[in-house]
Amino acid sequence: MYCRQLGLTAFVLLSACISIKAQTFAGADSLFAIKEYKSAKKIFDKLLSDTSSNSVEWNRLGFSNYSLGNYDEALKDYKKSEANNPPTGLQPILFSRMAMVYGVKGDKQNAVNYMDKAIKAGYFNFPDMDTLKAFSSVRGNDKFKILRNKAYVAAYPCSADTLRRQFDFWIGEWDAYVTGTKLLAGHSVIQPASGGCMILENWTSANALYDGKSMNFIDAATGKWQQVWVGAEGGTQHVFVNGMYYDGAMRFEFEQTNPQGKKQKGRFIFYNQGPNQVRQFNETSDDGGVTWTTVYDFTYIRKSKS
């Protein structure tokens, strides 16, 4: 109650409360949480001895020293944390921080070794590996690059799933023409999304005020591709199912009802015609697949990079 009544700044109030608590780990942790590393270090130093087995607090003292530029002290603290059975959740943090110290000190071998341990323990913060100054000395190292890619895959597992990469040939920026003509039908930007678990289509018609988007993903229930299209016309979304890539094309099926109320079956095919061309073909049948009528037939030409 006394601490709540003090008319002080947040930091002074916190310091006063810590003093009342006789400088406990709780007080040091509070200072650590607000990045007052110098004050936190003073308390950690008083409370931790060489025989202390508190791996969490050794880790926090290590990071406090690291943040203050005391790299040798930080490494000693981290090793104390490592030697005292750090909990599973702490391990990727601890090992990556040890890699950072080794990186700052120019010890590339240990920096790589501890990043390897961090990733095996569950570390996946690849943006830090890309940007932190501590890793600048090892960023060009071939083993570090491999570890960075492992961290990326750990964060985005779909990126390494070969089934989910089958439709990547459609990714890019395209001009779509009516097949066999120079008549421009529209423009499309196809993007990987959701960490590589989905492909997002962004369509804009060339000669009409019309656009739409589709989500393309693996249906967890069937293990096959599914496309859900929503266009600017409103109404019911279109769903294409049982997508499989074979014979050089992604092939979907669908069912719908024609304006006369009769059920139609359909085929929706994306032909992979090389790195710069995709043919998109949609057809329906009113007689169970005996005869087919083309709904549309577009050829996508990849836009050149200029």
C-alpha atoms as a PDB file:
ATOM      1  CA  MET A   1       0.000   0.000   0.000  1.00  0.00           C
ATOM      2  CA  TYR A   2       2.841   2.366   0.891  1.00  0.00           C
ATOM      3  CA  CYS A   3       4.418   1.893  -2.542  1.00  0.00           C
ATOM      4  CA  ARG A   4       1.155   2.722  -4.276  1.00  0.00           C
ATOM      5  CA  GLN A   5       0.804   5.974  -2.380  1.00  0.00           C
ATOM      6  CA  LEU A   6       4.246   7.383  -3.160  1.00  0.00           C
ATOM      7  CA  GLY A   7       3.975  10.342  -5.531  1.00  0.00           C
ATOM      8  CA  LEU A   8       7.096   9.377  -7.538  1.00  0.00           C
ATOM      9  CA  THR A   9       7.985   8.556 -11.129  1.00  0.00           C
ATOM     10  CA  ALA A  10       7.541   4.956 -12.176  1.00  0.00           C
ATOM     11  CA  PHE A  11      11.245   4.209 -11.893  1.00  0.00           C
ATOM     12  CA  VAL A  12      11.733   5.901  -8.509  1.00  0.00           C
ATOM     13  CA  LEU A  13       8.589   4.254  -7.230  1.00  0.00           C
ATOM     14  CA  LEU A  14       9.824   0.892  -8.399  1.00  0.00           C
ATOM     15  CA  SER A  15      13.224   1.480  -6.813  1.00  0.00           C
ATOM     16  CA  ALA A  16      11.580   2.447  -3.518  1.00  0.00           C
ATOM     17  CA  CYS A  17       9.465  -0.675  -3.568  1.00  0.00           C
ATOM     18  CA  ILE A  18      12.513  -2.816  -4.317  1.00  0.00           C
ATOM     19  CA  SER A  19      14.329  -1.232  -1.390  1.00  0.00           C
ATOM     20  CA  ILE A  20      11.406  -2.089   0.873  1.00  0.00           C
ATOM     21  CA  LYS A  21      11.569  -5.657  -0.456  1.00  0.00           C
ATOM     22  CA  ALA A  22      15.217  -5.801   0.667  1.00  0.00           C
ATOM     23  CA  GLN A  23      16.352  -6.168  -2.947  1.00  0.00           C
ATOM     24  CA  THR A  24      14.852  -9.526  -3.819  1.00  0.00           C
ATOM     25  CA  PHE A  25      14.960 -11.322  -7.165  1.00  0.00           C
ATOM     26  CA  ALA A  26      11.446  -9.996  -7.743  1.00  0.00           C
ATOM     27  CA  GLY A  27      12.793  -6.463  -7.508  1.00  0.00           C
ATOM     28  CA  ALA A  28      15.703  -7.213  -9.822  1.00  0.00           C
ATOM     29  CA  ASP A  29      13.335  -8.868 -12.290  1.00  0.00           C
ATOM     30  CA  SER A  30      11.119  -5.782 -12.250  1.00  0.00           C
ATOM     31  CA  LEU A  31      14.062  -3.555 -13.107  1.00  0.00           C
ATOM     32  CA  PHE A  32      15.185  -6.036 -15.774  1.00  0.00           C
ATOM     33  CA  ALA A  33      11.695  -5.932 -17.324  1.00  0.00           C
ATOM     34  CA  ILE A  34      11.872  -2.142 -17.791  1.00  0.00           C
ATOM     35  CA  LYS A  35      15.452  -2.375 -19.147  1.00  0.00           C
ATOM     36  CA  GLU A  36      17.084  -0.713 -16.142  1.00  0.00           C
ATOM     37  CA  TYR A  37      19.975  -3.122 -16.557  1.00  0.00           C
ATOM     38  CA  LYS A  38      22.526  -1.242 -14.440  1.00  0.00           C
ATOM     39  CA  SER A  39      20.284  -1.222 -11.377  1.00  0.00           C
ATOM     40  CA  ALA A  40      19.158  -4.790 -12.013  1.00  0.00           C
ATOM     41  CA  LYS A  41      22.778  -5.928 -12.262  1.00  0.00           C
ATOM     42  CA  LYS A  42      23.621  -4.490  -8.856  1.00  0.00           C
ATOM     43  CA  ILE A  43      20.897  -6.554  -7.228  1.00  0.00           C
ATOM     44  CA  PHE A  44      21.652  -9.703  -9.228  1.00  0.00           C
ATOM     45  CA  ASP A  45      25.339  -9.400  -8.257  1.00  0.00           C
ATOM     46  CA  LYS A  46      24.390  -9.234  -4.571  1.00  0.00           C
ATOM     47  CA  LEU A  47      21.963 -12.134  -4.718  1.00  0.00           C
ATOM     48  CA  LEU A  48      23.799 -14.552  -6.984  1.00  0.00           C
ATOM     49  CA  SER A  49      26.902 -16.391  -5.823  1.00  0.00           C
ATOM     50  CA  ASP A  50      29.060 -18.924  -7.654  1.00  0.00           C
ATOM     51  CA  THR A  51      27.046 -21.709  -6.029  1.00  0.00           C
ATOM     52  CA  SER A  52      23.671 -20.317  -7.058  1.00  0.00           C
ATOM     53  CA  SER A  53      21.703 -22.726  -9.221  1.00  0.00           C
ATOM     54  CA  ASN A  54      19.013 -20.329 -10.469  1.00  0.00           C
ATOM     55  CA  SER A  55      19.502 -20.607 -14.238  1.00  0.00           C
ATOM     56  CA  VAL A  56      16.783 -18.043 -14.986  1.00  0.00           C
ATOM     57  CA  GLU A  57      18.400 -15.308 -12.901  1.00  0.00           C
ATOM     58  CA  TRP A  58      21.901 -16.125 -14.178  1.00  0.00           C
ATOM     59  CA  ASN A  59      20.511 -15.651 -17.674  1.00  0.00           C
ATOM     60  CA  ARG A  60      19.043 -12.273 -16.751  1.00  0.00           C
ATOM     61  CA  LEU A  61      22.267 -11.134 -15.163  1.00  0.00           C
ATOM     62  CA  GLY A  62      24.032 -12.248 -18.347  1.00  0.00           C
ATOM     63  CA  PHE A  63      21.735 -10.186 -20.519  1.00  0.00           C
ATOM     64  CA  SER A  64      22.102  -7.204 -18.192  1.00  0.00           C
ATOM     65  CA  ASN A  65      25.885  -7.405 -18.542  1.00  0.00           C
ATOM     66  CA  TYR A  66      25.594  -7.892 -22.299  1.00  0.00           C
ATOM     67  CA  SER A  67      23.397  -4.801 -22.597  1.00  0.00           C
ATOM     68  CA  LEU A  68      25.955  -2.816 -20.584  1.00  0.00           C
ATOM     69  CA  GLY A  69      28.803  -3.973 -22.840  1.00  0.00           C
ATOM     70  CA  ASN A  70      30.329  -6.317 -20.249  1.00  0.00           C
ATOM     71  CA  TYR A  71      30.726  -9.217 -22.669  1.00  0.00           C
ATOM     72  CA  ASP A  72      33.148 -11.377 -20.691  1.00  0.00           C
ATOM     73  CA  GLU A  73      30.960 -11.103 -17.592  1.00  0.00           C
ATOM     74  CA  ALA A  74      27.877 -11.851 -19.674  1.00  0.00           C
ATOM     75  CA  LEU A  75      29.461 -15.009 -21.043  1.00  0.00           C
ATOM     76  CA  LYS A  76      30.426 -16.154 -17.553  1.00  0.00           C
ATOM     77  CA  ASP A  77      26.840 -15.605 -16.369  1.00  0.00           C
ATOM     78  CA  TYR A  78      25.357 -17.425 -19.345  1.00  0.00           C
ATOM     79  CA  LYS A  79      27.643 -20.390 -18.730  1.00  0.00           C
ATOM     80  CA  LYS A  80      26.392 -20.491 -15.133  1.00  0.00           C
ATOM     81  CA  SER A  81      22.843 -20.572 -16.460  1.00  0.00           C
ATOM     82  CA  GLU A  82      23.720 -23.309 -18.940  1.00  0.00           C
ATOM     83  CA  ALA A  83      25.410 -25.404 -16.236  1.00  0.00           C
ATOM     84  CA  ASN A  84      22.315 -25.325 -14.017  1.00  0.00           C
ATOM     85  CA  ASN A  85      19.775 -27.144 -16.179  1.00  0.00           C
ATOM     86  CA  PRO A  86      17.907 -24.248 -17.811  1.00  0.00           C
ATOM     87  CA  PRO A  87      14.219 -25.066 -18.368  1.00  0.00           C
ATOM     88  CA  THR A  88      13.140 -26.041 -21.866  1.00  0.00           C
ATOM     89  CA  GLY A  89      11.525 -22.688 -22.565  1.00  0.00           C
ATOM     90  CA  LEU A  90      14.685 -20.805 -21.625  1.00  0.00           C
ATOM     91  CA  GLN A  91      17.122 -22.832 -23.706  1.00  0.00           C
ATOM     92  CA  PRO A  92      16.557 -21.244 -27.139  1.00  0.00           C
ATOM     93  CA  ILE A  93      16.812 -17.771 -25.557  1.00  0.00           C
ATOM     94  CA  LEU A  94      19.925 -18.600 -23.556  1.00  0.00           C
ATOM     95  CA  PHE A  95      21.794 -20.342 -26.369  1.00  0.00           C
ATOM     96  CA  SER A  96      21.008 -17.598 -28.889  1.00  0.00           C
ATOM     97  CA  ARG A  97      22.240 -14.986 -26.409  1.00  0.00           C
ATOM     98  CA  MET A  98      25.440 -16.930 -25.917  1.00  0.00           C
ATOM     99  CA  ALA A  99      25.839 -16.990 -29.712  1.00  0.00           C
ATOM    100  CA  MET A 100      25.406 -13.207 -29.713  1.00  0.00           C
ATOM    101  CA  VAL A 101      28.227 -12.750 -27.196  1.00  0.00           C
ATOM    102  CA  TYR A 102      30.518 -15.006 -29.186  1.00  0.00           C
ATOM    103  CA  GLY A 103      29.567 -13.086 -32.310  1.00  0.00           C
ATOM    104  CA  VAL A 104      30.469  -9.762 -30.711  1.00  0.00           C
ATOM    105  CA  LYS A 105      33.765 -11.255 -29.520  1.00  0.00           C
ATOM    106  CA  GLY A 106      34.544 -12.522 -33.026  1.00  0.00           C
ATOM    107  CA  ASP A 107      34.477 -16.199 -32.033  1.00  0.00           C
ATOM    108  CA  LYS A 108      32.705 -17.450 -35.140  1.00  0.00           C
ATOM    109  CA  GLN A 109      32.966 -21.129 -34.305  1.00  0.00           C
ATOM    110  CA  ASN A 110      31.238 -20.825 -30.958  1.00  0.00           C
ATOM    111  CA  ALA A 111      28.721 -18.343 -32.348  1.00  0.00           C
ATOM    112  CA  VAL A 112      27.703 -20.934 -34.945  1.00  0.00           C
ATOM    113  CA  ASN A 113      27.779 -23.792 -32.420  1.00  0.00           C
ATOM    114  CA  TYR A 114      25.478 -22.019 -30.003  1.00  0.00           C
ATOM    115  CA  MET A 115      23.074 -20.917 -32.738  1.00  0.00           C
ATOM    116  CA  ASP A 116      22.899 -24.569 -33.721  1.00  0.00           C
ATOM    117  CA  LYS A 117      22.029 -25.470 -30.117  1.00  0.00           C
ATOM    118  CA  ALA A 118      19.459 -22.656 -29.985  1.00  0.00           C
ATOM    119  CA  ILE A 119      17.693 -23.832 -33.148  1.00  0.00           C
ATOM    120  CA  LYS A 120      17.685 -27.454 -31.994  1.00  0.00           C
ATOM    121  CA  ALA A 121      16.071 -26.191 -28.775  1.00  0.00           C
ATOM    122  CA  GLY A 122      13.307 -24.409 -30.716  1.00  0.00           C
ATOM    123  CA  TYR A 123      14.693 -20.990 -31.697  1.00  0.00           C
ATOM    124  CA  PHE A 124      13.114 -19.521 -34.847  1.00  0.00           C
ATOM    125  CA  ASN A 125      13.684 -15.757 -34.667  1.00  0.00           C
ATOM    126  CA  PHE A 126      15.408 -15.546 -38.051  1.00  0.00           C
ATOM    127  CA  PRO A 127      14.854 -11.740 -38.386  1.00  0.00           C
ATOM    128  CA  ASP A 128      17.309 -11.246 -35.496  1.00  0.00           C
ATOM    129  CA  MET A 129      19.804 -13.448 -37.301  1.00  0.00           C
ATOM    130  CA  ASP A 130      19.369 -11.197 -40.342  1.00  0.00           C
ATOM    131  CA  THR A 131      19.658  -7.843 -38.589  1.00  0.00           C
ATOM    132  CA  LEU A 132      21.351  -7.893 -35.177  1.00  0.00           C
ATOM    133  CA  LYS A 133      24.784  -6.314 -35.139  1.00  0.00           C
ATOM    134  CA  ALA A 134      25.986  -9.118 -32.872  1.00  0.00           C
ATOM    135  CA  PHE A 135      25.723 -11.543 -35.798  1.00  0.00           C
ATOM    136  CA  SER A 136      27.457  -9.331 -38.371  1.00  0.00           C
ATOM    137  CA  SER A 137      30.730 -11.233 -37.968  1.00  0.00           C
ATOM    138  CA  VAL A 138      29.122 -14.588 -38.837  1.00  0.00           C
ATOM    139  CA  ARG A 139      26.295 -13.617 -41.179  1.00  0.00           C
ATOM    140  CA  GLY A 140      28.375 -14.542 -44.216  1.00  0.00           C
ATOM    141  CA  ASN A 141      29.382 -17.900 -42.753  1.00  0.00           C
ATOM    142  CA  ASP A 142      27.992 -20.829 -44.781  1.00  0.00           C
ATOM    143  CA  LYS A 143      27.010 -22.817 -41.678  1.00  0.00           C
ATOM    144  CA  PHE A 144      25.300 -19.773 -40.188  1.00  0.00           C
ATOM    145  CA  LYS A 145      23.335 -19.311 -43.425  1.00  0.00           C
ATOM    146  CA  ILE A 146      22.145 -22.909 -43.197  1.00  0.00           C
ATOM    147  CA  LEU A 147      21.083 -22.339 -39.595  1.00  0.00           C
ATOM    148  CA  ARG A 148      19.258 -19.166 -40.578  1.00  0.00           C
ATOM    149  CA  ASN A 149      17.282 -21.124 -43.157  1.00  0.00           C
ATOM    150  CA  LYS A 150      16.469 -23.762 -40.544  1.00  0.00           C
ATOM    151  CA  ALA A 151      15.139 -21.023 -38.276  1.00  0.00           C
ATOM    152  CA  TYR A 152      13.030 -19.697 -41.170  1.00  0.00           C
ATOM    153  CA  VAL A 153      11.534 -23.137 -41.800  1.00  0.00           C
ATOM    154  CA  ALA A 154      10.876 -23.541 -38.074  1.00  0.00           C
ATOM    155  CA  ALA A 155       8.913 -20.270 -38.159  1.00  0.00           C
ATOM    156  CA  TYR A 156       7.189 -21.058 -41.492  1.00  0.00           C
ATOM    157  CA  PRO A 157       7.013 -24.853 -41.890  1.00  0.00           C
ATOM    158  CA  CYS A 158       4.823 -24.609 -45.002  1.00  0.00           C
ATOM    159  CA  SER A 159       7.728 -23.000 -46.846  1.00  0.00           C
ATOM    160  CA  ALA A 160       9.527 -26.354 -46.965  1.00  0.00           C
ATOM    161  CA  ASP A 161       6.468 -28.519 -47.661  1.00  0.00           C
ATOM    162  CA  THR A 162       6.841 -29.880 -51.212  1.00  0.00           C
ATOM    163  CA  LEU A 163       3.072 -30.378 -51.573  1.00  0.00           C
ATOM    164  CA  ARG A 164       2.442 -26.710 -50.781  1.00  0.00           C
ATOM    165  CA  ARG A 165       5.096 -25.659 -53.296  1.00  0.00           C
ATOM    166  CA  GLN A 166       3.362 -27.336 -56.245  1.00  0.00           C
ATOM    167  CA  PHE A 167       1.453 -24.190 -57.210  1.00  0.00           C
ATOM    168  CA  ASP A 168       4.415 -21.821 -56.952  1.00  0.00           C
ATOM    169  CA  PHE A 169       4.694 -21.680 -60.752  1.00  0.00           C
ATOM    170  CA  TRP A 170       1.690 -19.318 -60.652  1.00  0.00           C
ATOM    171  CA  ILE A 171       3.340 -16.822 -58.286  1.00  0.00           C
ATOM    172  CA  GLY A 172       4.233 -13.500 -59.901  1.00  0.00           C
ATOM    173  CA  GLU A 173       2.778 -10.497 -61.716  1.00  0.00           C
ATOM    174  CA  TRP A 174       0.928 -11.291 -64.923  1.00  0.00           C
ATOM    175  CA  ASP A 175      -0.967  -9.889 -67.880  1.00  0.00           C
ATOM    176  CA  ALA A 176      -3.738 -12.308 -68.863  1.00  0.00           C
ATOM    177  CA  TYR A 177      -4.842 -12.566 -72.505  1.00  0.00           C
ATOM    178  CA  VAL A 178      -7.648 -14.501 -74.138  1.00  0.00           C
ATOM    179  CA  THR A 179      -5.737 -17.546 -75.344  1.00  0.00           C
ATOM    180  CA  GLY A 180      -4.689 -17.336 -78.983  1.00  0.00           C
ATOM    181  CA  THR A 181      -5.325 -13.591 -79.205  1.00  0.00           C
ATOM    182  CA  LYS A 182      -3.802 -10.285 -78.175  1.00  0.00           C
ATOM    183  CA  LEU A 183      -6.985  -9.334 -76.319  1.00  0.00           C
ATOM    184  CA  LEU A 184      -6.028  -8.329 -72.768  1.00  0.00           C
ATOM    185  CA  ALA A 185      -8.454  -9.825 -70.260  1.00  0.00           C
ATOM    186  CA  GLY A 186      -6.902  -8.565 -67.049  1.00  0.00           C
ATOM    187  CA  HIS A 187      -4.007  -8.341 -64.674  1.00  0.00           C
ATOM    188  CA  SER A 188      -3.188 -10.601 -61.785  1.00  0.00           C
ATOM    189  CA  VAL A 189      -0.744 -10.498 -58.896  1.00  0.00           C
ATOM    190  CA  ILE A 190      -0.205 -13.909 -57.315  1.00  0.00           C
ATOM    191  CA  GLN A 191       1.508 -13.876 -53.912  1.00  0.00           C
ATOM    192  CA  PRO A 192       2.648 -16.377 -51.323  1.00  0.00           C
ATOM    193  CA  ALA A 193       0.806 -15.710 -48.068  1.00  0.00           C
ATOM    194  CA  SER A 194       0.364 -17.024 -44.533  1.00  0.00           C
ATOM    195  CA  GLY A 195       3.977 -18.116 -44.264  1.00  0.00           C
ATOM    196  CA  GLY A 196       3.806 -20.055 -47.517  1.00  0.00           C
ATOM    197  CA  CYS A 197       0.702 -22.004 -46.453  1.00  0.00           C
ATOM    198  CA  MET A 198      -1.460 -20.199 -49.002  1.00  0.00           C
ATOM    199  CA  ILE A 199      -1.257 -18.579 -52.424  1.00  0.00           C
ATOM    200  CA  LEU A 200      -3.285 -15.379 -52.781  1.00  0.00           C
ATOM    201  CA  GLU A 201      -4.632 -14.275 -56.164  1.00  0.00           C
ATOM    202  CA  ASN A 202      -5.432 -10.587 -56.821  1.00  0.00           C
ATOM    203  CA  TRP A 203      -7.319 -10.175 -60.116  1.00  0.00           C
ATOM    204  CA  THR A 204      -8.306  -6.944 -61.889  1.00  0.00           C
ATOM    205  CA  SER A 205     -10.207  -7.028 -65.193  1.00  0.00           C
ATOM    206  CA  ALA A 206      -8.837  -4.950 -68.053  1.00  0.00           C
ATOM    207  CA  ASN A 207     -12.117  -3.909 -69.690  1.00  0.00           C
ATOM    208  CA  ALA A 208     -14.603  -3.891 -66.819  1.00  0.00           C
ATOM    209  CA  LEU A 209     -14.952  -2.561 -63.300  1.00  0.00           C
ATOM    210  CA  TYR A 210     -14.367  -5.946 -61.767  1.00  0.00           C
ATOM    211  CA  ASP A 211     -11.877  -7.519 -59.432  1.00  0.00           C
ATOM    212  CA  GLY A 212     -11.602 -10.447 -57.109  1.00  0.00           C
ATOM    213  CA  LYS A 213      -9.352 -12.581 -54.980  1.00  0.00           C
ATOM    214  CA  SER A 214      -8.822 -16.241 -54.427  1.00  0.00           C
ATOM    215  CA  MET A 215      -7.205 -18.202 -51.627  1.00  0.00           C
ATOM    216  CA  ASN A 216      -5.406 -21.380 -52.673  1.00  0.00           C
ATOM    217  CA  PHE A 217      -4.383 -23.851 -49.984  1.00  0.00           C
ATOM    218  CA  ILE A 218      -4.212 -27.497 -48.979  1.00  0.00           C
ATOM    219  CA  ASP A 219      -7.491 -28.777 -47.554  1.00  0.00           C
ATOM    220  CA  ALA A 220      -6.485 -30.504 -44.317  1.00  0.00           C
ATOM    221  CA  ALA A 221      -9.397 -32.949 -44.633  1.00  0.00           C
ATOM    222  CA  THR A 222      -8.447 -34.235 -48.096  1.00  0.00           C
ATOM    223  CA  GLY A 223      -4.742 -33.377 -48.429  1.00  0.00           C
ATOM    224  CA  LYS A 224      -5.567 -31.792 -51.796  1.00  0.00           C
ATOM    225  CA  TRP A 225      -5.580 -28.240 -53.078  1.00  0.00           C
ATOM    226  CA  GLN A 226      -8.654 -26.058 -52.753  1.00  0.00           C
ATOM    227  CA  GLN A 227      -9.398 -22.619 -54.204  1.00  0.00           C
ATOM    228  CA  VAL A 228     -11.970 -20.226 -52.761  1.00  0.00           C
ATOM    229  CA  TRP A 229     -12.800 -17.318 -55.082  1.00  0.00           C
ATOM    230  CA  VAL A 230     -14.714 -14.180 -54.085  1.00  0.00           C
ATOM    231  CA  GLY A 231     -15.435 -11.690 -56.840  1.00  0.00           C
ATOM    232  CA  ALA A 232     -16.834  -8.179 -56.880  1.00  0.00           C
ATOM    233  CA  GLU A 233     -20.204  -9.388 -58.179  1.00  0.00           C
ATOM    234  CA  GLY A 234     -21.138 -10.556 -54.687  1.00  0.00           C
ATOM    235  CA  GLY A 235     -23.321 -13.554 -54.104  1.00  0.00           C
ATOM    236  CA  THR A 236     -21.997 -17.043 -53.471  1.00  0.00           C
ATOM    237  CA  GLN A 237     -18.279 -17.611 -53.455  1.00  0.00           C
ATOM    238  CA  HIS A 238     -16.881 -20.196 -55.858  1.00  0.00           C
ATOM    239  CA  VAL A 239     -15.076 -23.206 -54.451  1.00  0.00           C
ATOM    240  CA  PHE A 240     -12.813 -25.448 -56.518  1.00  0.00           C
ATOM    241  CA  VAL A 241     -11.741 -28.696 -54.878  1.00  0.00           C
ATOM    242  CA  ASN A 242      -9.602 -31.833 -55.185  1.00  0.00           C
ATOM    243  CA  GLY A 243      -6.743 -29.897 -56.727  1.00  0.00           C
ATOM    244  CA  MET A 244      -3.807 -32.048 -57.770  1.00  0.00           C
ATOM    245  CA  TYR A 245      -0.700 -31.286 -59.799  1.00  0.00           C
ATOM    246  CA  TYR A 246       0.056 -33.857 -62.480  1.00  0.00           C
ATOM    247  CA  ASP A 247       0.974 -33.922 -66.182  1.00  0.00           C
ATOM    248  CA  GLY A 248       2.317 -30.384 -65.884  1.00  0.00           C
ATOM    249  CA  ALA A 249      -0.869 -28.786 -64.556  1.00  0.00           C
ATOM    250  CA  MET A 250      -2.789 -28.003 -61.369  1.00  0.00           C
ATOM    251  CA  ARG A 251      -6.229 -29.554 -61.864  1.00  0.00           C
ATOM    252  CA  PHE A 252      -9.321 -28.672 -59.809  1.00  0.00           C
ATOM    253  CA  GLU A 253     -12.877 -29.992 -59.909  1.00  0.00           C
ATOM    254  CA  PHE A 254     -16.100 -28.202 -59.028  1.00  0.00           C
ATOM    255  CA  GLU A 255     -19.868 -28.462 -59.116  1.00  0.00           C
ATOM    256  CA  GLN A 256     -22.369 -25.677 -59.601  1.00  0.00           C
ATOM    257  CA  THR A 257     -25.934 -25.019 -60.688  1.00  0.00           C
ATOM    258  CA  ASN A 258     -26.583 -23.351 -64.034  1.00  0.00           C
ATOM    259  CA  PRO A 259     -29.223 -20.603 -64.521  1.00  0.00           C
ATOM    260  CA  GLN A 260     -31.795 -23.273 -65.393  1.00  0.00           C
ATOM    261  CA  GLY A 261     -31.263 -24.935 -62.040  1.00  0.00           C
ATOM    262  CA  LYS A 262     -29.440 -27.941 -63.484  1.00  0.00           C
ATOM    263  CA  LYS A 263     -26.299 -29.279 -61.801  1.00  0.00           C
ATOM    264  CA  GLN A 264     -23.081 -28.836 -63.724  1.00  0.00           C
ATOM    265  CA  LYS A 265     -19.705 -30.405 -63.147  1.00  0.00           C
ATOM    266  CA  GLY A 266     -16.593 -28.449 -63.953  1.00  0.00           C
ATOM    267  CA  ARG A 267     -12.862 -28.613 -64.502  1.00  0.00           C
ATOM    268  CA  PHE A 268     -10.503 -25.767 -63.678  1.00  0.00           C
ATOM    269  CA  ILE A 269      -6.956 -26.264 -64.906  1.00  0.00           C
ATOM    270  CA  PHE A 270      -3.725 -24.255 -64.644  1.00  0.00           C
ATOM    271  CA  TYR A 271      -1.157 -25.432 -67.181  1.00  0.00           C
ATOM    272  CA  ASN A 272       2.472 -24.785 -66.261  1.00  0.00           C
ATOM    273  CA  GLN A 273       3.889 -23.663 -69.614  1.00  0.00           C
ATOM    274  CA  GLY A 274       7.331 -22.624 -68.416  1.00  0.00           C
ATOM    275  CA  PRO A 275       8.732 -19.910 -66.167  1.00  0.00           C
ATOM    276  CA  ASN A 276       6.905 -17.047 -67.908  1.00  0.00           C
ATOM    277  CA  GLN A 277       3.574 -18.490 -69.020  1.00  0.00           C
ATOM    278  CA  VAL A 278       0.526 -20.140 -67.428  1.00  0.00           C
ATOM    279  CA  ARG A 279      -2.680 -21.136 -69.176  1.00  0.00           C
ATOM    280  CA  GLN A 280      -5.875 -20.955 -67.080  1.00  0.00           C
ATOM    281  CA  PHE A 281      -8.734 -23.010 -68.480  1.00  0.00           C
ATOM    282  CA  ASN A 282     -12.272 -23.372 -67.097  1.00  0.00           C
ATOM    283  CA  GLU A 283     -14.963 -25.631 -68.612  1.00  0.00           C
ATOM    284  CA  THR A 284     -18.305 -27.128 -67.562  1.00  0.00           C
ATOM    285  CA  SER A 285     -20.467 -30.082 -68.514  1.00  0.00           C
ATOM    286  CA  ASP A 286     -24.258 -30.398 -68.325  1.00  0.00           C
ATOM    287  CA  ASP A 287     -24.291 -34.117 -69.110  1.00  0.00           C
ATOM    288  CA  GLY A 288     -22.008 -35.606 -66.511  1.00  0.00           C
ATOM    289  CA  GLY A 289     -18.818 -35.125 -68.471  1.00  0.00           C
ATOM    290  CA  VAL A 290     -19.821 -36.451 -71.874  1.00  0.00           C
ATOM    291  CA  THR A 291     -19.484 -33.043 -73.518  1.00  0.00           C
ATOM    292  CA  TRP A 292     -17.781 -29.887 -72.302  1.00  0.00           C
ATOM    293  CA  THR A 293     -18.242 -26.152 -72.848  1.00  0.00           C
ATOM    294  CA  THR A 294     -15.397 -23.680 -72.392  1.00  0.00           C
ATOM    295  CA  VAL A 295     -16.201 -20.930 -69.870  1.00  0.00           C
ATOM    296  CA  TYR A 296     -12.948 -19.048 -70.384  1.00  0.00           C
ATOM    297  CA  ASP A 297      -9.425 -19.687 -71.573  1.00  0.00           C
ATOM    298  CA  PHE A 298      -6.682 -17.255 -70.554  1.00  0.00           C
ATOM    299  CA  THR A 299      -2.949 -17.246 -71.103  1.00  0.00           C
ATOM    300  CA  TYR A 300      -0.933 -15.487 -68.410  1.00  0.00           C
ATOM    301  CA  ILE A 301       2.285 -13.789 -69.534  1.00  0.00           C
ATOM    302  CA  ARG A 302       4.689 -12.806 -66.780  1.00  0.00           C
ATOM    303  CA  LYS A 303       5.398  -9.082 -66.603  1.00  0.00           C
ATOM    304  CA  SER A 304       9.017  -8.256 -67.261  1.00  0.00           C
ATOM    305  CA  LYS A 305      11.051  -6.674 -64.488  1.00  0.00           C
ATOM    306  CA  SER A 306      12.203  -3.205 -65.474  1.00  0.00           C
END
